[in-house]
Amino acid sequence: MNRRLLALVFGIALLLPGTASRAAERAALLSSAPGATPFISFVQLNVSDLTTLKSAEFKITPKTGSATRPVDVRYFRQYLQKRHYLDKRRGVLTVPVFGLYAGRSNTVTVTLTFRASPTQVIPMTIQTAAYAGGTYSTPTVVQPRLPGTNLSYDFILLKSYADPTTPIIIDTDAEIRWVGTAGVSSQPSIFFDNAFYLTSVVSLIRTDLDGTTTTVANYS
């Protein structure tokens, strides 16, 4: 083989692993900040080129001994952009992580998908504050879930007049995994279009899973 050609092929072979590595490492963890409740956190990532981002997914590992499946959520670019979670000027992506365990060290992975590039998986640990508020923090378990029992669901929506944190989400281990941020006690509430809608006297309120609450309409 021609010496120049051999040197060129050898040089390409040396270059490819480094190129692939740089393509895969397009993002790095900056920080995580607590949300409106201990069950929500905002993870910030530095992304080298946000224009190529397709989606961001997070997954929360269940606690030891849990029979529930992981909280697994994927945000598409359009949603992140609409909610102002893409800061193109700074190259920062914010990923709202909800469904965390309160008062624990949560094992979380964030997976970023790019156009024409490998996905990147970023593992992290999110420490949350304790949550001691409300009627449902210390439940009396009448019949525990039997080991090995398979259910078609892992989470339950509670509507309560007892606490100003409705709606409340618990998992099938009886752990609170999300509470409302509207500050009202209301039983009329539904989950629709990736958000909770509830009433408060003459108002219709929307609470998103990232903890953002807005008044949709006032019927006074």
Protein backbone atom coordinates (compact mmCIF):
# COMPACT_ATOMS: atom_id res chain seq x y z
CA MET A 1 0.00 0.00 0.00
CA ASN A 2 1.18 3.56 -0.70
CA ARG A 3 2.86 4.96 2.41
CA ARG A 4 0.90 8.22 2.22
CA LEU A 5 -2.40 6.34 1.90
CA LEU A 6 -1.46 4.07 4.79
CA ALA A 7 -0.61 7.07 6.97
CA LEU A 8 -3.93 8.73 6.04
CA VAL A 9 -5.98 5.63 6.91
CA PHE A 10 -4.10 5.25 10.21
CA GLY A 11 -4.70 8.92 11.00
CA ILE A 12 -8.45 8.58 10.34
CA ALA A 13 -8.56 5.50 12.59
CA LEU A 14 -6.99 7.50 15.40
CA LEU A 15 -9.34 10.45 14.87
CA LEU A 16 -12.65 8.57 14.84
CA PRO A 17 -12.80 7.50 18.53
CA GLY A 18 -12.12 11.04 19.72
CA THR A 19 -14.69 12.44 17.28
CA ALA A 20 -17.34 9.99 18.50
CA SER A 21 -16.53 10.83 22.10
CA ARG A 22 -16.93 14.56 21.48
CA ALA A 23 -20.23 13.94 19.64
CA ALA A 24 -21.59 11.92 22.56
CA GLU A 25 -20.53 14.40 25.25
CA ARG A 26 -22.66 17.34 24.18
CA ALA A 27 -24.07 18.24 27.60
CA ALA A 28 -22.90 18.56 31.19
CA LEU A 29 -24.75 18.93 34.48
CA LEU A 30 -24.70 22.44 35.93
CA SER A 31 -27.01 22.31 38.94
CA SER A 32 -30.35 21.25 40.36
CA ALA A 33 -32.65 23.60 42.25
CA PRO A 34 -35.69 22.71 44.36
CA GLY A 35 -39.12 23.49 42.96
CA ALA A 36 -42.30 24.67 44.65
CA THR A 37 -42.51 21.42 46.65
CA PRO A 38 -39.94 18.77 47.66
CA PHE A 39 -41.35 16.52 44.92
CA ILE A 40 -40.11 18.82 42.13
CA SER A 41 -36.61 19.83 41.11
CA PHE A 42 -35.23 21.80 38.18
CA VAL A 43 -32.10 20.31 36.62
CA GLN A 44 -29.95 22.65 34.53
CA LEU A 45 -27.64 21.29 31.84
CA ASN A 46 -25.09 23.07 29.70
CA VAL A 47 -25.65 21.93 26.07
CA SER A 48 -23.07 22.73 23.40
CA ASP A 49 -25.67 23.07 20.61
CA LEU A 50 -29.32 23.42 21.63
CA THR A 51 -30.42 23.69 17.98
CA THR A 52 -29.84 19.94 17.53
CA LEU A 53 -31.74 18.87 20.66
CA LYS A 54 -34.78 16.68 19.93
CA SER A 55 -35.95 15.62 23.39
CA ALA A 56 -35.04 15.31 27.05
CA GLU A 57 -36.17 12.39 29.20
CA PHE A 58 -35.84 11.79 32.92
CA LYS A 59 -36.27 8.60 34.90
CA ILE A 60 -36.49 8.27 38.70
CA THR A 61 -35.36 4.96 40.17
CA PRO A 62 -37.91 3.55 42.67
CA LYS A 63 -36.83 3.28 46.30
CA THR A 64 -35.31 0.02 47.54
CA GLY A 65 -37.98 -2.65 47.92
CA SER A 66 -40.58 -0.75 45.89
CA ALA A 67 -42.89 -2.65 43.54
CA THR A 68 -43.66 0.47 41.50
CA ARG A 69 -42.25 1.25 38.08
CA PRO A 70 -39.98 4.28 37.60
CA VAL A 71 -41.38 7.72 36.89
CA ASP A 72 -40.34 8.07 33.24
CA VAL A 73 -41.11 11.31 31.37
CA ARG A 74 -40.01 12.58 27.96
CA TYR A 75 -40.18 16.24 26.94
CA PHE A 76 -40.04 17.06 23.25
CA ARG A 77 -38.24 20.15 22.04
CA GLN A 78 -41.46 21.99 21.16
CA TYR A 79 -42.72 21.70 24.73
CA LEU A 80 -39.42 22.79 26.28
CA GLN A 81 -39.28 25.79 23.96
CA LYS A 82 -42.88 26.79 24.64
CA ARG A 83 -42.30 26.63 28.40
CA HIS A 84 -39.09 28.71 28.13
CA TYR A 85 -36.84 25.87 29.31
CA LEU A 86 -34.42 26.39 26.42
CA ASP A 87 -32.01 29.28 26.96
CA LYS A 88 -30.28 29.51 23.59
CA ARG A 89 -28.24 32.55 24.54
CA ARG A 90 -26.56 30.78 27.46
CA GLY A 91 -26.80 27.28 25.99
CA VAL A 92 -28.68 26.04 29.06
CA LEU A 93 -31.45 23.46 29.13
CA THR A 94 -33.73 23.21 32.18
CA VAL A 95 -35.43 19.86 32.81
CA PRO A 96 -38.29 19.88 35.35
CA VAL A 97 -38.09 16.63 37.31
CA PHE A 98 -41.25 15.72 39.22
CA GLY A 99 -42.39 12.67 41.18
CA LEU A 100 -39.32 12.67 43.44
CA TYR A 101 -39.30 11.08 46.87
CA ALA A 102 -39.31 13.69 49.63
CA GLY A 103 -36.57 13.62 52.25
CA ARG A 104 -34.43 11.20 50.27
CA SER A 105 -31.50 10.95 47.93
CA ASN A 106 -33.11 10.24 44.54
CA THR A 107 -31.29 8.39 41.77
CA VAL A 108 -32.18 10.11 38.49
CA THR A 109 -30.99 9.77 34.90
CA VAL A 110 -31.55 12.39 32.21
CA THR A 111 -31.30 11.22 28.60
CA LEU A 112 -30.85 13.78 25.83
CA THR A 113 -31.59 12.94 22.20
CA PHE A 114 -29.98 14.93 19.38
CA ARG A 115 -30.43 15.01 15.61
CA ALA A 116 -27.90 12.79 13.82
CA SER A 117 -25.96 12.21 17.04
CA PRO A 118 -25.84 9.57 19.77
CA THR A 119 -28.04 10.02 22.81
CA GLN A 120 -26.36 11.10 26.01
CA VAL A 121 -27.29 9.68 29.41
CA ILE A 122 -26.45 11.85 32.43
CA PRO A 123 -26.80 10.17 35.84
CA MET A 124 -27.29 12.29 38.92
CA THR A 125 -28.46 12.28 42.52
CA ILE A 126 -31.10 14.74 43.71
CA GLN A 127 -31.45 15.27 47.45
CA THR A 128 -34.88 16.54 48.48
CA ALA A 129 -36.21 18.17 51.62
CA ALA A 130 -38.55 16.32 53.94
CA TYR A 131 -42.31 16.77 53.62
CA ALA A 132 -44.30 16.57 56.83
CA GLY A 133 -47.42 18.45 55.82
CA GLY A 134 -50.86 17.12 55.25
CA THR A 135 -53.14 14.26 56.16
CA TYR A 136 -51.48 11.77 53.84
CA SER A 137 -47.88 11.99 55.11
CA THR A 138 -48.38 9.25 57.72
CA PRO A 139 -51.05 6.85 56.42
CA THR A 140 -52.44 3.93 58.39
CA VAL A 141 -51.93 0.91 56.13
CA VAL A 142 -54.87 -1.45 56.62
CA GLN A 143 -53.85 -3.95 53.94
CA PRO A 144 -50.30 -3.67 52.55
CA ARG A 145 -49.60 -4.55 48.96
CA LEU A 146 -48.62 -8.23 48.79
CA PRO A 147 -45.09 -9.02 47.55
CA GLY A 148 -45.01 -9.91 43.87
CA THR A 149 -48.42 -8.36 43.17
CA ASN A 150 -48.65 -6.93 39.66
CA LEU A 151 -50.90 -3.92 39.20
CA SER A 152 -51.79 -2.08 35.99
CA TYR A 153 -51.15 1.28 37.70
CA ASP A 154 -48.53 2.76 40.01
CA PHE A 155 -50.00 6.13 41.00
CA ILE A 156 -53.29 7.32 42.49
CA LEU A 157 -54.92 10.78 42.34
CA LEU A 158 -56.43 11.97 45.64
CA LYS A 159 -58.91 14.84 45.83
CA SER A 160 -59.17 16.36 49.27
CA TYR A 161 -60.98 19.04 51.24
CA ALA A 162 -58.72 18.30 54.21
CA ASP A 163 -55.54 19.98 52.97
CA PRO A 164 -54.84 22.99 50.72
CA THR A 165 -52.55 20.82 48.58
CA THR A 166 -55.04 19.12 46.31
CA PRO A 167 -54.64 17.26 44.04
CA ILE A 168 -52.27 14.80 45.72
CA ILE A 169 -50.52 11.93 43.99
CA ILE A 170 -49.44 8.85 45.94
CA ASP A 171 -47.81 5.70 44.62
CA THR A 172 -48.89 2.15 45.42
CA ASP A 173 -46.34 2.05 48.24
CA ALA A 174 -48.44 4.80 49.92
CA GLU A 175 -45.66 7.38 49.35
CA ILE A 176 -46.65 10.93 48.43
CA ARG A 177 -44.97 11.75 45.11
CA TRP A 178 -46.61 15.07 44.17
CA VAL A 179 -48.86 17.72 45.73
CA GLY A 180 -50.69 20.68 44.26
CA THR A 181 -49.33 24.22 44.48
CA ALA A 182 -52.56 26.22 44.06
CA GLY A 183 -53.07 26.46 47.83
CA VAL A 184 -56.70 25.36 47.70
CA SER A 185 -58.77 22.48 49.07
CA SER A 186 -60.95 21.18 46.28
CA GLN A 187 -62.49 17.87 45.28
CA PRO A 188 -63.55 18.91 41.76
CA SER A 189 -60.27 18.21 39.93
CA ILE A 190 -59.19 16.25 36.87
CA PHE A 191 -55.97 15.42 35.01
CA PHE A 192 -56.20 16.61 31.40
CA ASP A 193 -53.70 17.66 28.73
CA ASN A 194 -50.70 16.97 31.01
CA ALA A 195 -51.99 19.21 33.80
CA PHE A 196 -54.45 19.29 36.69
CA TYR A 197 -57.59 21.40 36.50
CA LEU A 198 -59.41 22.26 39.72
CA THR A 199 -61.92 24.76 41.02
CA SER A 200 -61.74 27.32 43.79
CA VAL A 201 -65.02 29.14 44.48
CA VAL A 202 -65.56 30.95 41.14
CA SER A 203 -62.15 30.20 39.55
CA LEU A 204 -60.93 27.45 37.25
CA ILE A 205 -57.25 26.76 37.98
CA ARG A 206 -54.60 24.86 36.03
CA THR A 207 -51.56 23.37 37.79
CA ASP A 208 -48.82 21.90 35.63
CA LEU A 209 -46.60 19.05 36.77
CA ASP A 210 -43.66 21.46 37.11
CA GLY A 211 -45.65 23.24 39.86
CA THR A 212 -46.74 26.26 37.79
CA THR A 213 -50.27 27.36 38.70
CA THR A 214 -52.40 29.73 36.60
CA THR A 215 -56.02 30.87 36.75
CA VAL A 216 -57.67 29.84 33.49
CA ALA A 217 -60.99 31.58 34.03
CA ASN A 218 -63.02 33.48 36.62
CA TYR A 219 -66.77 32.94 36.57
CA SER A 220 -67.83 35.52 39.16
